[in-house]
Amino acid sequence: MSDSRLPTHLVVSAILRQVSVTGGMGVILAKGDPDGGTYVLLLRDRADTLKLVERRPSADFSFEWQVTQEEPAENERKIYEYCDRRRDQDPDLWIVELQIDNAERFIAELRP
């Protein structure tokens, strides 16, 4: 690897451990490239709302987490369908679903 980023499989494992430590649960819905794949997070909260969170470039050329889609339980299939389309275009994509109490706080504390 030519950059200082950790392999994706280690980052995903760390996220799953952190969610577990905070009393949540997580599951990998799709595995991509273990070293250089990108990943998206599906966050389900107590209200049963599903949020798609993605790493996006920010104005200062760093990265930040952004909620790019949000659906209540009755419409969550829209997010899963979107993830399926993304995965068809990028087989290296990891899709990780997390069930946590405070999704906003988790995102704020997660390093991009």
Protein backbone atom coordinates (compact mmCIF):
# COMPACT_ATOMS: atom_id res chain seq x y z
CA MET A 1 0.00 0.00 0.00
CA SER A 2 1.38 3.36 -0.97
CA ASP A 3 -0.65 5.51 1.45
CA SER A 4 -1.09 5.52 5.20
CA ARG A 5 -4.69 4.30 5.24
CA LEU A 6 -5.43 1.13 7.11
CA PRO A 7 -6.75 -1.83 5.12
CA THR A 8 -10.52 -1.70 4.84
CA HIS A 9 -11.08 -5.00 6.63
CA LEU A 10 -9.31 -3.60 9.71
CA VAL A 11 -11.32 -0.37 9.64
CA VAL A 12 -14.60 -2.29 9.34
CA SER A 13 -13.58 -4.61 12.20
CA ALA A 14 -12.76 -1.60 14.38
CA ILE A 15 -16.13 -0.01 13.62
CA LEU A 16 -17.94 -3.24 14.53
CA ARG A 17 -15.99 -3.49 17.79
CA GLN A 18 -16.76 0.12 18.68
CA VAL A 19 -20.47 -0.40 18.05
CA SER A 20 -20.41 -3.52 20.21
CA VAL A 21 -18.65 -1.66 23.03
CA THR A 22 -21.38 0.99 23.00
CA GLY A 23 -24.12 -1.65 23.24
CA GLY A 24 -25.07 -1.79 19.58
CA MET A 25 -24.90 -4.49 16.96
CA GLY A 26 -23.38 -4.64 13.52
CA VAL A 27 -23.29 -6.93 10.52
CA ILE A 28 -21.40 -6.91 7.23
CA LEU A 29 -23.94 -7.13 4.41
CA ALA A 30 -21.33 -7.18 1.64
CA LYS A 31 -17.56 -7.57 1.67
CA GLY A 32 -15.43 -5.77 -0.84
CA ASP A 33 -11.70 -5.62 -1.39
CA PRO A 34 -10.08 -6.35 1.99
CA ASP A 35 -7.29 -3.82 1.52
CA GLY A 36 -8.51 -0.94 -0.62
CA GLY A 37 -12.29 -1.20 -0.83
CA THR A 38 -14.52 1.68 0.10
CA TYR A 39 -17.34 1.28 2.59
CA VAL A 40 -20.72 2.73 3.46
CA LEU A 41 -22.57 2.48 6.74
CA LEU A 42 -26.26 1.84 7.22
CA LEU A 43 -27.28 3.15 10.63
CA ARG A 44 -30.52 2.05 12.25
CA ASP A 45 -31.63 3.95 15.34
CA ARG A 46 -34.25 3.37 18.05
CA ALA A 47 -36.93 5.02 15.95
CA ASP A 48 -36.22 2.36 13.28
CA THR A 49 -35.01 4.98 10.84
CA LEU A 50 -32.32 3.81 8.42
CA LYS A 51 -29.59 6.25 7.38
CA LEU A 52 -26.98 5.74 4.69
CA VAL A 53 -23.72 7.37 5.75
CA GLU A 54 -20.87 7.89 3.31
CA ARG A 55 -17.41 9.40 3.46
CA ARG A 56 -17.36 12.54 1.31
CA PRO A 57 -14.71 15.15 0.51
CA SER A 58 -15.09 18.40 2.43
CA ALA A 59 -14.23 22.00 1.48
CA ASP A 60 -10.80 21.77 3.16
CA PHE A 61 -9.82 18.70 1.08
CA SER A 62 -10.23 16.31 3.99
CA PHE A 63 -13.09 13.86 4.38
CA GLU A 64 -16.20 13.87 6.53
CA TRP A 65 -19.13 11.56 7.12
CA GLN A 66 -22.42 12.65 5.57
CA VAL A 67 -25.90 11.18 5.76
CA THR A 68 -26.78 10.84 2.08
CA GLN A 69 -30.13 9.08 2.49
CA GLU A 70 -32.60 8.61 5.31
CA GLU A 71 -35.76 6.53 5.27
CA PRO A 72 -38.30 5.30 7.83
CA ALA A 73 -38.66 1.52 8.21
CA GLU A 74 -41.54 1.31 5.73
CA ASN A 75 -39.36 2.79 2.93
CA GLU A 76 -35.96 1.33 3.84
CA ARG A 77 -35.93 -0.87 0.74
CA LYS A 78 -35.01 2.28 -1.24
CA ILE A 79 -31.69 2.45 0.59
CA TYR A 80 -31.01 -1.27 0.15
CA GLU A 81 -31.79 -0.99 -3.57
CA TYR A 82 -29.40 1.95 -3.85
CA CYS A 83 -26.68 -0.08 -2.10
CA ASP A 84 -27.29 -2.97 -4.49
CA ARG A 85 -26.83 -0.64 -7.47
CA ARG A 86 -23.64 0.80 -5.95
CA ARG A 87 -22.33 -2.72 -5.35
CA ASP A 88 -23.09 -3.68 -8.98
CA GLN A 89 -20.94 -0.72 -10.08
CA ASP A 90 -18.24 -1.25 -7.45
CA PRO A 91 -17.69 -4.86 -6.35
CA ASP A 92 -14.98 -3.62 -3.93
CA LEU A 93 -17.62 -1.78 -1.85
CA TRP A 94 -18.28 -2.92 1.71
CA ILE A 95 -21.78 -2.43 3.11
CA VAL A 96 -22.00 -2.46 6.90
CA GLU A 97 -25.26 -2.16 8.84
CA LEU A 98 -25.18 -0.96 12.43
CA GLN A 99 -27.92 -0.73 15.02
CA ILE A 100 -27.03 1.93 17.57
CA ASP A 101 -28.90 4.21 19.94
CA ASN A 102 -27.35 7.53 18.97
CA ALA A 103 -26.39 7.51 15.30
CA GLU A 104 -25.50 11.22 15.18
CA ARG A 105 -23.08 10.93 18.07
CA PHE A 106 -21.50 7.81 16.61
CA ILE A 107 -20.95 9.57 13.27
CA ALA A 108 -19.49 12.63 15.01
CA GLU A 109 -16.96 10.48 16.84
CA LEU A 110 -16.05 8.31 13.84
CA ARG A 111 -12.92 9.35 11.98
CA PRO A 112 -13.37 9.42 8.18
